[in-house]
Amino acid sequence: MENIQLPPEATQGQGSQEEAAQRAQQEEELRRDLMATVLDTAARERLSRIALVSPERSRQIETILMRMAQSGQLRGKVSENQLIDLLDQMEDVQGKSSSKKSTIVFQRRKDFDDDFDI
C-alpha cells in the first residue's frame, strides 16, 4: 500500500499545537513547583480551595506570589495568615477599581394560587 503524506502545512500546525501544549504543561509544572516551595501546607490548602471556587482569582494570587518570589520580596514560606492578608489587599484594590458592589436580588414569582386575592 502507498503511504499517504500530509501536506507540509498540516504537519506544521500539528507540531506547533503539540509544542504549545507541551510548553503550557511545563509552565504549569513550574508554577506548581514554585507554589509548593513558596507556600506552607495550610496556605497551599487555602489556595487550592480558592481555586475550586474561583480559578481566575487563584491564578491571580499565584502570579502575584511568583513575582514576589522572583523579585526576592518573600522571606521564607508564606503562611496562611500572610495569604489572607494578600487576599484582603487584593480585595481592597479591586474594590477601589470597581465601585459597584455585587448584590444578590431575589425575585419571587407570583402564582395564581398565592394567599392574597385580587
PDB file of N, CA and C in Angstrom:
ATOM      1  N   MET A   1       0.829  -1.183   0.000  1.00  0.00           N
ATOM      2  CA  MET A   1       0.000   0.000   0.000  1.00  0.00           C
ATOM      3  C   MET A   1       0.874   1.247   0.000  1.00  0.00           C
ATOM      4  N   GLU A   2       0.304   2.272  -0.496  1.00  0.00           N
ATOM      5  CA  GLU A   2       1.042   3.522  -0.573  1.00  0.00           C
ATOM      6  C   GLU A   2       0.953   4.279   0.740  1.00  0.00           C
ATOM      7  N   ASN A   3       2.016   4.981   1.066  1.00  0.00           N
ATOM      8  CA  ASN A   3       1.987   5.852   2.233  1.00  0.00           C
ATOM      9  C   ASN A   3       1.344   7.172   1.841  1.00  0.00           C
ATOM     10  N   ILE A   4       0.427   7.603   2.651  1.00  0.00           N
ATOM     11  CA  ILE A   4      -0.236   8.876   2.384  1.00  0.00           C
ATOM     12  C   ILE A   4       0.475   9.942   3.204  1.00  0.00           C
ATOM     13  N   GLN A   5       0.915  10.974   2.526  1.00  0.00           N
ATOM     14  CA  GLN A   5       1.615  12.045   3.218  1.00  0.00           C
ATOM     15  C   GLN A   5       0.722  13.262   3.297  1.00  0.00           C
ATOM     16  N   LEU A   6       0.778  13.892   4.440  1.00  0.00           N
ATOM     17  CA  LEU A   6       0.027  15.127   4.628  1.00  0.00           C
ATOM     18  C   LEU A   6       0.810  16.288   4.051  1.00  0.00           C
ATOM     19  N   PRO A   7       0.120  17.316   3.604  1.00  0.00           N
ATOM     20  CA  PRO A   7       0.845  18.499   3.140  1.00  0.00           C
ATOM     21  C   PRO A   7       1.670  19.110   4.270  1.00  0.00           C
ATOM     22  N   PRO A   8       2.756  19.798   3.957  1.00  0.00           N
ATOM     23  CA  PRO A   8       3.625  20.354   4.996  1.00  0.00           C
ATOM     24  C   PRO A   8       2.890  21.316   5.928  1.00  0.00           C
ATOM     25  N   GLU A   9       1.881  22.035   5.421  1.00  0.00           N
ATOM     26  CA  GLU A   9       1.153  22.971   6.280  1.00  0.00           C
ATOM     27  C   GLU A   9       0.426  22.234   7.393  1.00  0.00           C
ATOM     28  N   ALA A  10      -0.130  21.051   7.093  1.00  0.00           N
ATOM     29  CA  ALA A  10      -0.884  20.292   8.087  1.00  0.00           C
ATOM     30  C   ALA A  10       0.037  19.756   9.172  1.00  0.00           C
ATOM     31  N   THR A  11       1.214  19.266   8.794  1.00  0.00           N
ATOM     32  CA  THR A  11       2.130  18.734   9.791  1.00  0.00           C
ATOM     33  C   THR A  11       2.725  19.840  10.644  1.00  0.00           C
ATOM     34  N   GLN A  12       2.937  21.017  10.076  1.00  0.00           N
ATOM     35  CA  GLN A  12       3.478  22.120  10.872  1.00  0.00           C
ATOM     36  C   GLN A  12       2.469  22.580  11.911  1.00  0.00           C
ATOM     37  N   GLY A  13       1.189  22.613  11.554  1.00  0.00           N
ATOM     38  CA  GLY A  13       0.164  23.041  12.503  1.00  0.00           C
ATOM     39  C   GLY A  13       0.070  22.106  13.688  1.00  0.00           C
ATOM     40  N   GLN A  14       0.187  20.803  13.419  1.00  0.00           N
ATOM     41  CA  GLN A  14       0.116  19.835  14.497  1.00  0.00           C
ATOM     42  C   GLN A  14       1.327  19.958  15.410  1.00  0.00           C
ATOM     43  N   GLY A  15       2.488  20.176  14.819  1.00  0.00           N
ATOM     44  CA  GLY A  15       3.702  20.307  15.611  1.00  0.00           C
ATOM     45  C   GLY A  15       3.652  21.515  16.517  1.00  0.00           C
ATOM     46  N   SER A  16       3.159  22.635  15.992  1.00  0.00           N
ATOM     47  CA  SER A  16       3.104  23.838  16.814  1.00  0.00           C
ATOM     48  C   SER A  16       2.059  23.703  17.923  1.00  0.00           C
ATOM     49  N   GLN A  17       0.968  22.988  17.642  1.00  0.00           N
ATOM     50  CA  GLN A  17      -0.032  22.762  18.680  1.00  0.00           C
ATOM     51  C   GLN A  17       0.534  21.876  19.778  1.00  0.00           C
ATOM     52  N   GLU A  18       1.274  20.845  19.372  1.00  0.00           N
ATOM     53  CA  GLU A  18       1.881  19.957  20.352  1.00  0.00           C
ATOM     54  C   GLU A  18       2.923  20.702  21.177  1.00  0.00           C
ATOM     55  N   GLU A  19       3.717  21.533  20.513  1.00  0.00           N
ATOM     56  CA  GLU A  19       4.729  22.314  21.222  1.00  0.00           C
ATOM     57  C   GLU A  19       4.075  23.290  22.201  1.00  0.00           C
ATOM     58  N   ALA A  20       2.987  23.918  21.783  1.00  0.00           N
ATOM     59  CA  ALA A  20       2.288  24.859  22.668  1.00  0.00           C
ATOM     60  C   ALA A  20       1.707  24.121  23.864  1.00  0.00           C
ATOM     61  N   ALA A  21       1.149  22.950  23.631  1.00  0.00           N
ATOM     62  CA  ALA A  21       0.592  22.168  24.736  1.00  0.00           C
ATOM     63  C   ALA A  21       1.700  21.727  25.690  1.00  0.00           C
ATOM     64  N   GLN A  22       2.840  21.350  25.113  1.00  0.00           N
ATOM     65  CA  GLN A  22       3.961  20.928  25.943  1.00  0.00           C
ATOM     66  C   GLN A  22       4.504  22.099  26.764  1.00  0.00           C
ATOM     67  N   ARG A  23       4.599  23.280  26.128  1.00  0.00           N
ATOM     68  CA  ARG A  23       5.047  24.473  26.854  1.00  0.00           C
ATOM     69  C   ARG A  23       4.093  24.825  27.979  1.00  0.00           C
ATOM     70  N   ALA A  24       2.795  24.747  27.710  1.00  0.00           N
ATOM     71  CA  ALA A  24       1.800  25.061  28.735  1.00  0.00           C
ATOM     72  C   ALA A  24       1.899  24.084  29.894  1.00  0.00           C
ATOM     73  N   GLN A  25       2.146  22.814  29.599  1.00  0.00           N
ATOM     74  CA  GLN A  25       2.291  21.820  30.647  1.00  0.00           C
ATOM     75  C   GLN A  25       3.542  22.086  31.482  1.00  0.00           C
ATOM     76  N   GLN A  26       4.640  22.467  30.828  1.00  0.00           N
ATOM     77  CA  GLN A  26       5.864  22.778  31.560  1.00  0.00           C
ATOM     78  C   GLN A  26       5.684  24.005  32.448  1.00  0.00           C
ATOM     79  N   GLU A  27       4.978  25.020  31.936  1.00  0.00           N
ATOM     80  CA  GLU A  27       4.723  26.219  32.735  1.00  0.00           C
ATOM     81  C   GLU A  27       3.862  25.883  33.944  1.00  0.00           C
ATOM     82  N   GLU A  28       2.877  25.006  33.751  1.00  0.00           N
ATOM     83  CA  GLU A  28       2.007  24.610  34.862  1.00  0.00           C
ATOM     84  C   GLU A  28       2.799  23.834  35.913  1.00  0.00           C
ATOM     85  N   GLU A  29       3.696  22.953  35.474  1.00  0.00           N
ATOM     86  CA  GLU A  29       4.550  22.225  36.409  1.00  0.00           C
ATOM     87  C   GLU A  29       5.448  23.177  37.180  1.00  0.00           C
ATOM     88  N   LEU A  30       6.036  24.137  36.480  1.00  0.00           N
ATOM     89  CA  LEU A  30       6.893  25.131  37.125  1.00  0.00           C
ATOM     90  C   LEU A  30       6.102  25.929  38.152  1.00  0.00           C
ATOM     91  N   ARG A  31       4.887  26.317  37.783  1.00  0.00           N
ATOM     92  CA  ARG A  31       4.020  27.075  38.695  1.00  0.00           C
ATOM     93  C   ARG A  31       3.706  26.265  39.952  1.00  0.00           C
ATOM     94  N   ARG A  32       3.352  24.984  39.756  1.00  0.00           N
ATOM     95  CA  ARG A  32       3.035  24.129  40.905  1.00  0.00           C
ATOM     96  C   ARG A  32       4.246  23.930  41.801  1.00  0.00           C
ATOM     97  N   ASP A  33       5.415  23.703  41.191  1.00  0.00           N
ATOM     98  CA  ASP A  33       6.636  23.512  41.979  1.00  0.00           C
ATOM     99  C   ASP A  33       6.977  24.762  42.780  1.00  0.00           C
ATOM    100  N   LEU A  34       6.849  25.923  42.142  1.00  0.00           N
ATOM    101  CA  LEU A  34       7.157  27.173  42.832  1.00  0.00           C
ATOM    102  C   LEU A  34       6.176  27.419  43.979  1.00  0.00           C
ATOM    103  N   MET A  35       4.890  27.126  43.755  1.00  0.00           N
ATOM    104  CA  MET A  35       3.898  27.304  44.820  1.00  0.00           C
ATOM    105  C   MET A  35       4.183  26.352  45.980  1.00  0.00           C
ATOM    106  N   ALA A  36       4.654  25.148  45.674  1.00  0.00           N
ATOM    107  CA  ALA A  36       4.980  24.181  46.719  1.00  0.00           C
ATOM    108  C   ALA A  36       6.157  24.658  47.559  1.00  0.00           C
ATOM    109  N   THR A  37       7.108  25.363  46.940  1.00  0.00           N
ATOM    110  CA  THR A  37       8.261  25.832  47.699  1.00  0.00           C
ATOM    111  C   THR A  37       7.979  27.145  48.420  1.00  0.00           C
ATOM    112  N   VAL A  38       7.059  27.951  47.896  1.00  0.00           N
ATOM    113  CA  VAL A  38       6.795  29.276  48.471  1.00  0.00           C
ATOM    114  C   VAL A  38       5.762  29.218  49.594  1.00  0.00           C
ATOM    115  N   LEU A  39       4.748  28.358  49.450  1.00  0.00           N
ATOM    116  CA  LEU A  39       3.645  28.319  50.411  1.00  0.00           C
ATOM    117  C   LEU A  39       3.823  27.177  51.402  1.00  0.00           C
ATOM    118  N   ASP A  40       3.404  27.418  52.656  1.00  0.00           N
ATOM    119  CA  ASP A  40       3.365  26.305  53.595  1.00  0.00           C
ATOM    120  C   ASP A  40       2.090  25.492  53.342  1.00  0.00           C
ATOM    121  N   THR A  41       1.920  24.394  54.051  1.00  0.00           N
ATOM    122  CA  THR A  41       0.828  23.464  53.736  1.00  0.00           C
ATOM    123  C   THR A  41      -0.555  24.094  53.924  1.00  0.00           C
ATOM    124  N   ALA A  42      -0.750  24.853  54.993  1.00  0.00           N
ATOM    125  CA  ALA A  42      -2.058  25.467  55.239  1.00  0.00           C
ATOM    126  C   ALA A  42      -2.398  26.494  54.151  1.00  0.00           C
ATOM    127  N   ALA A  43      -1.415  27.273  53.736  1.00  0.00           N
ATOM    128  CA  ALA A  43      -1.638  28.270  52.691  1.00  0.00           C
ATOM    129  C   ALA A  43      -1.912  27.583  51.353  1.00  0.00           C
ATOM    130  N   ARG A  44      -1.222  26.471  51.088  1.00  0.00           N
ATOM    131  CA  ARG A  44      -1.467  25.728  49.848  1.00  0.00           C
ATOM    132  C   ARG A  44      -2.882  25.159  49.826  1.00  0.00           C
ATOM    133  N   GLU A  45      -3.340  24.664  50.980  1.00  0.00           N
ATOM    134  CA  GLU A  45      -4.702  24.137  51.069  1.00  0.00           C
ATOM    135  C   GLU A  45      -5.724  25.246  50.822  1.00  0.00           C
ATOM    136  N   ARG A  46      -5.499  26.405  51.406  1.00  0.00           N
ATOM    137  CA  ARG A  46      -6.424  27.525  51.212  1.00  0.00           C
ATOM    138  C   ARG A  46      -6.444  27.942  49.741  1.00  0.00           C
ATOM    139  N   LEU A  47      -5.285  28.008  49.127  1.00  0.00           N
ATOM    140  CA  LEU A  47      -5.222  28.404  47.723  1.00  0.00           C
ATOM    141  C   LEU A  47      -5.921  27.371  46.834  1.00  0.00           C
ATOM    142  N   SER A  48      -5.811  26.103  47.172  1.00  0.00           N
ATOM    143  CA  SER A  48      -6.499  25.078  46.372  1.00  0.00           C
ATOM    144  C   SER A  48      -8.013  25.172  46.546  1.00  0.00           C
ATOM    145  N   ARG A  49      -8.478  25.538  47.746  1.00  0.00           N
ATOM    146  CA  ARG A  49      -9.925  25.736  47.947  1.00  0.00           C
ATOM    147  C   ARG A  49     -10.408  26.956  47.178  1.00  0.00           C
ATOM    148  N   ILE A  50      -9.595  28.005  47.127  1.00  0.00           N
ATOM    149  CA  ILE A  50      -9.949  29.191  46.341  1.00  0.00           C
ATOM    150  C   ILE A  50     -10.020  28.821  44.865  1.00  0.00           C
ATOM    151  N   ALA A  51      -9.105  27.968  44.411  1.00  0.00           N
ATOM    152  CA  ALA A  51      -9.092  27.555  43.007  1.00  0.00           C
ATOM    153  C   ALA A  51     -10.354  26.789  42.642  1.00  0.00           C
ATOM    154  N   LEU A  52     -10.920  26.055  43.582  1.00  0.00           N
ATOM    155  CA  LEU A  52     -12.163  25.341  43.305  1.00  0.00           C
ATOM    156  C   LEU A  52     -13.314  26.305  43.059  1.00  0.00           C
ATOM    157  N   VAL A  53     -13.347  27.382  43.837  1.00  0.00           N
ATOM    158  CA  VAL A  53     -14.441  28.346  43.740  1.00  0.00           C
ATOM    159  C   VAL A  53     -14.195  29.345  42.615  1.00  0.00           C
ATOM    160  N   SER A  54     -12.980  29.879  42.576  1.00  0.00           N
ATOM    161  CA  SER A  54     -12.670  30.924  41.596  1.00  0.00           C
ATOM    162  C   SER A  54     -11.275  30.686  41.010  1.00  0.00           C
ATOM    163  N   PRO A  55     -11.193  29.938  39.922  1.00  0.00           N
ATOM    164  CA  PRO A  55      -9.874  29.641  39.333  1.00  0.00           C
ATOM    165  C   PRO A  55      -9.138  30.888  38.877  1.00  0.00           C
ATOM    166  N   GLU A  56      -9.850  31.901  38.408  1.00  0.00           N
ATOM    167  CA  GLU A  56      -9.175  33.117  37.938  1.00  0.00           C
ATOM    168  C   GLU A  56      -8.526  33.863  39.099  1.00  0.00           C
ATOM    169  N   ARG A  57      -9.187  33.917  40.244  1.00  0.00           N
ATOM    170  CA  ARG A  57      -8.604  34.591  41.407  1.00  0.00           C
ATOM    171  C   ARG A  57      -7.391  33.817  41.909  1.00  0.00           C
ATOM    172  N   SER A  58      -7.493  32.501  41.904  1.00  0.00           N
ATOM    173  CA  SER A  58      -6.365  31.674  42.320  1.00  0.00           C
ATOM    174  C   SER A  58      -5.166  31.912  41.416  1.00  0.00           C
ATOM    175  N   ARG A  59      -5.418  32.023  40.122  1.00  0.00           N
ATOM    176  CA  ARG A  59      -4.350  32.263  39.156  1.00  0.00           C
ATOM    177  C   ARG A  59      -3.711  33.637  39.393  1.00  0.00           C
ATOM    178  N   GLN A  60      -4.534  34.637  39.728  1.00  0.00           N
ATOM    179  CA  GLN A  60      -4.002  35.969  40.021  1.00  0.00           C
ATOM    180  C   GLN A  60      -3.100  35.929  41.252  1.00  0.00           C
ATOM    181  N   ILE A  61      -3.539  35.221  42.279  1.00  0.00           N
ATOM    182  CA  ILE A  61      -2.745  35.112  43.514  1.00  0.00           C
ATOM    183  C   ILE A  61      -1.426  34.404  43.227  1.00  0.00           C
ATOM    184  N   GLU A  62      -1.493  33.319  42.457  1.00  0.00           N
ATOM    185  CA  GLU A  62      -0.267  32.596  42.112  1.00  0.00           C
ATOM    186  C   GLU A  62       0.699  33.488  41.343  1.00  0.00           C
ATOM    187  N   THR A  63       0.166  34.280  40.427  1.00  0.00           N
ATOM    188  CA  THR A  63       1.018  35.182  39.642  1.00  0.00           C
ATOM    189  C   THR A  63       1.687  36.213  40.536  1.00  0.00           C
ATOM    190  N   ILE A  64       0.930  36.778  41.466  1.00  0.00           N
ATOM    191  CA  ILE A  64       1.498  37.755  42.402  1.00  0.00           C
ATOM    192  C   ILE A  64       2.583  37.111  43.251  1.00  0.00           C
ATOM    193  N   LEU A  65       2.306  35.918  43.766  1.00  0.00           N
ATOM    194  CA  LEU A  65       3.299  35.230  44.595  1.00  0.00           C
ATOM    195  C   LEU A  65       4.555  34.876  43.798  1.00  0.00           C
ATOM    196  N   MET A  66       4.378  34.488  42.530  1.00  0.00           N
ATOM    197  CA  MET A  66       5.547  34.181  41.696  1.00  0.00           C
ATOM    198  C   MET A  66       6.407  35.427  41.487  1.00  0.00           C
ATOM    199  N   ARG A  67       5.751  36.557  41.204  1.00  0.00           N
ATOM    200  CA  ARG A  67       6.505  37.806  41.015  1.00  0.00           C
ATOM    201  C   ARG A  67       7.235  38.199  42.293  1.00  0.00           C
ATOM    202  N   MET A  68       6.561  38.054  43.425  1.00  0.00           N
ATOM    203  CA  MET A  68       7.191  38.408  44.697  1.00  0.00           C
ATOM    204  C   MET A  68       8.387  37.502  44.977  1.00  0.00           C
ATOM    205  N   ALA A  69       8.253  36.220  44.670  1.00  0.00           N
ATOM    206  CA  ALA A  69       9.358  35.277  44.905  1.00  0.00           C
ATOM    207  C   ALA A  69      10.527  35.567  43.974  1.00  0.00           C
ATOM    208  N   GLN A  70      10.229  35.880  42.718  1.00  0.00           N
ATOM    209  CA  GLN A  70      11.296  36.146  41.755  1.00  0.00           C
ATOM    210  C   GLN A  70      12.017  37.449  42.051  1.00  0.00           C
ATOM    211  N   SER A  71      11.315  38.419  42.636  1.00  0.00           N
ATOM    212  CA  SER A  71      11.956  39.699  42.943  1.00  0.00           C
ATOM    213  C   SER A  71      12.613  39.696  44.323  1.00  0.00           C
ATOM    214  N   GLY A  72      12.458  38.592  45.069  1.00  0.00           N
ATOM    215  CA  GLY A  72      13.115  38.484  46.363  1.00  0.00           C
ATOM    216  C   GLY A  72      12.355  39.158  47.502  1.00  0.00           C
ATOM    217  N   GLN A  73      11.077  39.443  47.313  1.00  0.00           N
ATOM    218  CA  GLN A  73      10.294  40.082  48.368  1.00  0.00           C
ATOM    219  C   GLN A  73       9.845  39.087  49.434  1.00  0.00           C
ATOM    220  N   LEU A  74       9.869  37.799  49.121  1.00  0.00           N
ATOM    221  CA  LEU A  74       9.423  36.790  50.086  1.00  0.00           C
ATOM    222  C   LEU A  74      10.618  36.250  50.864  1.00  0.00           C
ATOM    223  N   ARG A  75      10.465  36.230  52.157  1.00  0.00           N
ATOM    224  CA  ARG A  75      11.496  35.644  53.030  1.00  0.00           C
ATOM    225  C   ARG A  75      10.857  34.451  53.727  1.00  0.00           C
ATOM    226  N   GLY A  76      11.292  33.282  53.370  1.00  0.00           N
ATOM    227  CA  GLY A  76      10.707  32.080  53.952  1.00  0.00           C
ATOM    228  C   GLY A  76       9.396  31.730  53.258  1.00  0.00           C
ATOM    229  N   LYS A  77       8.695  30.770  53.861  1.00  0.00           N
ATOM    230  CA  LYS A  77       7.435  30.333  53.274  1.00  0.00           C
ATOM    231  C   LYS A  77       6.301  31.261  53.698  1.00  0.00           C
ATOM    232  N   VAL A  78       5.320  31.405  52.813  1.00  0.00           N
ATOM    233  CA  VAL A  78       4.156  32.239  53.095  1.00  0.00           C
ATOM    234  C   VAL A  78       3.178  31.417  53.923  1.00  0.00           C
ATOM    235  N   SER A  79       2.788  31.967  55.070  1.00  0.00           N
ATOM    236  CA  SER A  79       1.842  31.266  55.934  1.00  0.00           C
ATOM    237  C   SER A  79       0.412  31.553  55.490  1.00  0.00           C
ATOM    238  N   GLU A  80      -0.520  30.855  56.116  1.00  0.00           N
ATOM    239  CA  GLU A  80      -1.929  31.057  55.770  1.00  0.00           C
ATOM    240  C   GLU A  80      -2.380  32.473  56.114  1.00  0.00           C
ATOM    241  N   ASN A  81      -1.903  33.000  57.242  1.00  0.00           N
ATOM    242  CA  ASN A  81      -2.270  34.370  57.628  1.00  0.00           C
ATOM    243  C   ASN A  81      -1.724  35.401  56.640  1.00  0.00           C
ATOM    244  N   GLN A  82      -0.516  35.199  56.157  1.00  0.00           N
ATOM    245  CA  GLN A  82       0.047  36.105  55.154  1.00  0.00           C
ATOM    246  C   GLN A  82      -0.739  36.025  53.852  1.00  0.00           C
ATOM    247  N   LEU A  83      -1.189  34.828  53.503  1.00  0.00           N
ATOM    248  CA  LEU A  83      -2.002  34.661  52.301  1.00  0.00           C
ATOM    249  C   LEU A  83      -3.343  35.373  52.462  1.00  0.00           C
ATOM    250  N   ILE A  84      -3.920  35.298  53.639  1.00  0.00           N
ATOM    251  CA  ILE A  84      -5.176  36.000  53.919  1.00  0.00           C
ATOM    252  C   ILE A  84      -4.974  37.505  53.802  1.00  0.00           C
ATOM    253  N   ASP A  85      -3.844  38.004  54.321  1.00  0.00           N
ATOM    254  CA  ASP A  85      -3.538  39.438  54.186  1.00  0.00           C
ATOM    255  C   ASP A  85      -3.415  39.836  52.713  1.00  0.00           C
ATOM    256  N   LEU A  86      -2.772  38.994  51.924  1.00  0.00           N
ATOM    257  CA  LEU A  86      -2.640  39.258  50.498  1.00  0.00           C
ATOM    258  C   LEU A  86      -4.014  39.274  49.825  1.00  0.00           C
ATOM    259  N   LEU A  87      -4.881  38.356  50.214  1.00  0.00           N
ATOM    260  CA  LEU A  87      -6.243  38.329  49.673  1.00  0.00           C
ATOM    261  C   LEU A  87      -7.005  39.596  50.037  1.00  0.00           C
ATOM    262  N   ASP A  88      -6.843  40.042  51.280  1.00  0.00           N
ATOM    263  CA  ASP A  88      -7.502  41.285  51.702  1.00  0.00           C
ATOM    264  C   ASP A  88      -7.000  42.478  50.891  1.00  0.00           C
ATOM    265  N   GLN A  89      -5.696  42.534  50.658  1.00  0.00           N
ATOM    266  CA  GLN A  89      -5.138  43.620  49.851  1.00  0.00           C
ATOM    267  C   GLN A  89      -5.685  43.581  48.432  1.00  0.00           C
ATOM    268  N   MET A  90      -5.798  42.384  47.852  1.00  0.00           N
ATOM    269  CA  MET A  90      -6.359  42.257  46.515  1.00  0.00           C
ATOM    270  C   MET A  90      -7.816  42.715  46.496  1.00  0.00           C
ATOM    271  N   GLU A  91      -8.555  42.365  47.526  1.00  0.00           N
ATOM    272  CA  GLU A  91      -9.958  42.757  47.619  1.00  0.00           C
ATOM    273  C   GLU A  91     -10.092  44.274  47.704  1.00  0.00           C
ATOM    274  N   ASP A  92      -9.205  44.907  48.492  1.00  0.00           N
ATOM    275  CA  ASP A  92      -9.237  46.365  48.610  1.00  0.00           C
ATOM    276  C   ASP A  92      -8.932  47.035  47.273  1.00  0.00           C
ATOM    277  N   VAL A  93      -7.929  46.531  46.571  1.00  0.00           N
ATOM    278  CA  VAL A  93      -7.552  47.115  45.280  1.00  0.00           C
ATOM    279  C   VAL A  93      -8.682  46.927  44.273  1.00  0.00           C
ATOM    280  N   GLN A  94      -9.271  45.749  44.227  1.00  0.00           N
ATOM    281  CA  GLN A  94     -10.360  45.502  43.292  1.00  0.00           C
ATOM    282  C   GLN A  94     -11.611  46.279  43.680  1.00  0.00           C
ATOM    283  N   GLY A  95     -11.814  46.483  44.969  1.00  0.00           N
ATOM    284  CA  GLY A  95     -12.965  47.254  45.418  1.00  0.00           C
ATOM    285  C   GLY A  95     -12.848  48.708  45.011  1.00  0.00           C
ATOM    286  N   LYS A  96     -11.627  49.255  45.026  1.00  0.00           N
ATOM    287  CA  LYS A  96     -11.427  50.647  44.626  1.00  0.00           C
ATOM    288  C   LYS A  96     -11.552  50.811  43.123  1.00  0.00           C
ATOM    289  N   SER A  97     -11.082  49.797  42.376  1.00  0.00           N
ATOM    290  CA  SER A  97     -11.134  49.915  40.916  1.00  0.00           C
ATOM    291  C   SER A  97     -12.549  49.738  40.375  1.00  0.00           C
ATOM    292  N   SER A  98     -13.313  48.871  40.984  1.00  0.00           N
ATOM    293  CA  SER A  98     -14.704  48.719  40.554  1.00  0.00           C
ATOM    294  C   SER A  98     -15.602  49.201  41.686  1.00  0.00           C
ATOM    295  N   SER A  99     -16.291  50.295  41.446  1.00  0.00           N
ATOM    296  CA  SER A  99     -17.055  50.941  42.506  1.00  0.00           C
ATOM    297  C   SER A  99     -18.327  50.187  42.856  1.00  0.00           C
ATOM    298  N   LYS A 100     -18.860  49.392  41.933  1.00  0.00           N
ATOM    299  CA  LYS A 100     -20.105  48.712  42.251  1.00  0.00           C
ATOM    300  C   LYS A 100     -19.840  47.441  43.045  1.00  0.00           C
ATOM    301  N   LYS A 101     -20.694  47.183  43.972  1.00  0.00           N
ATOM    302  CA  LYS A 101     -20.597  46.023  44.833  1.00  0.00           C
ATOM    303  C   LYS A 101     -21.541  44.958  44.288  1.00  0.00           C
ATOM    304  N   SER A 102     -21.141  43.730  44.326  1.00  0.00           N
ATOM    305  CA  SER A 102     -22.017  42.690  43.820  1.00  0.00           C
ATOM    306  C   SER A 102     -23.153  42.456  44.807  1.00  0.00           C
ATOM    307  N   THR A 103     -24.351  42.407  44.301  1.00  0.00           N
ATOM    308  CA  THR A 103     -25.524  42.190  45.141  1.00  0.00           C
ATOM    309  C   THR A 103     -26.349  41.053  44.564  1.00  0.00           C
ATOM    310  N   ILE A 104     -27.116  40.446  45.413  1.00  0.00           N
ATOM    311  CA  ILE A 104     -27.996  39.366  45.018  1.00  0.00           C
ATOM    312  C   ILE A 104     -29.422  39.871  45.152  1.00  0.00           C
ATOM    313  N   VAL A 105     -30.191  39.711  44.102  1.00  0.00           N
ATOM    314  CA  VAL A 105     -31.576  40.161  44.105  1.00  0.00           C
ATOM    315  C   VAL A 105     -32.471  38.939  43.983  1.00  0.00           C
ATOM    316  N   PHE A 106     -33.396  38.813  44.919  1.00  0.00           N
ATOM    317  CA  PHE A 106     -34.356  37.719  44.883  1.00  0.00           C
ATOM    318  C   PHE A 106     -35.626  38.203  44.210  1.00  0.00           C
ATOM    319  N   GLN A 107     -36.069  37.497  43.219  1.00  0.00           N
ATOM    320  CA  GLN A 107     -37.321  37.826  42.560  1.00  0.00           C
ATOM    321  C   GLN A 107     -38.265  36.644  42.762  1.00  0.00           C
ATOM    322  N   ARG A 108     -39.366  36.927  43.398  1.00  0.00           N
ATOM    323  CA  ARG A 108     -40.328  35.866  43.633  1.00  0.00           C
ATOM    324  C   ARG A 108     -41.410  35.921  42.582  1.00  0.00           C
ATOM    325  N   ARG A 109     -41.780  34.763  42.145  1.00  0.00           N
ATOM    326  CA  ARG A 109     -42.879  34.707  41.188  1.00  0.00           C
ATOM    327  C   ARG A 109     -44.191  34.727  41.937  1.00  0.00           C
ATOM    328  N   LYS A 110     -45.143  35.387  41.364  1.00  0.00           N
ATOM    329  CA  LYS A 110     -46.465  35.421  41.958  1.00  0.00           C
ATOM    330  C   LYS A 110     -47.351  34.475  41.163  1.00  0.00           C
ATOM    331  N   ASP A 111     -47.733  33.420  41.793  1.00  0.00           N
ATOM    332  CA  ASP A 111     -48.561  32.432  41.131  1.00  0.00           C
ATOM    333  C   ASP A 111     -50.041  32.714  41.381  1.00  0.00           C
ATOM    334  N   PHE A 112     -50.864  32.064  40.631  1.00  0.00           N
ATOM    335  CA  PHE A 112     -52.295  32.290  40.753  1.00  0.00           C
ATOM    336  C   PHE A 112     -52.844  31.738  42.058  1.00  0.00           C
ATOM    337  N   ASP A 113     -52.107  30.874  42.747  1.00  0.00           N
ATOM    338  CA  ASP A 113     -52.603  30.292  43.996  1.00  0.00           C
ATOM    339  C   ASP A 113     -51.972  30.927  45.230  1.00  0.00           C
ATOM    340  N   ASP A 114     -51.496  32.170  45.115  1.00  0.00           N
ATOM    341  CA  ASP A 114     -50.951  32.863  46.281  1.00  0.00           C
ATOM    342  C   ASP A 114     -52.028  33.112  47.311  1.00  0.00           C
ATOM    343  N   ASP A 115     -51.651  33.474  48.493  1.00  0.00           N
ATOM    344  CA  ASP A 115     -52.579  33.671  49.605  1.00  0.00           C
ATOM    345  C   ASP A 115     -53.499  34.853  49.426  1.00  0.00           C
ATOM    346  N   PHE A 116     -53.028  35.871  48.776  1.00  0.00           N
ATOM    347  CA  PHE A 116     -53.866  37.070  48.654  1.00  0.00           C
ATOM    348  C   PHE A 116     -54.656  37.023  47.344  1.00  0.00           C
ATOM    349  N   ASP A 117     -55.883  37.517  47.415  1.00  0.00           N
ATOM    350  CA  ASP A 117     -56.738  37.547  46.239  1.00  0.00           C
ATOM    351  C   ASP A 117     -56.811  38.949  45.685  1.00  0.00           C
ATOM    352  N   ILE A 118     -56.936  39.037  44.414  1.00  0.00           N
ATOM    353  CA  ILE A 118     -57.042  40.348  43.776  1.00  0.00           C
ATOM    354  C   ILE A 118     -58.469  40.654  43.488  1.00  0.00           C
TER     355      ILE A 118
END
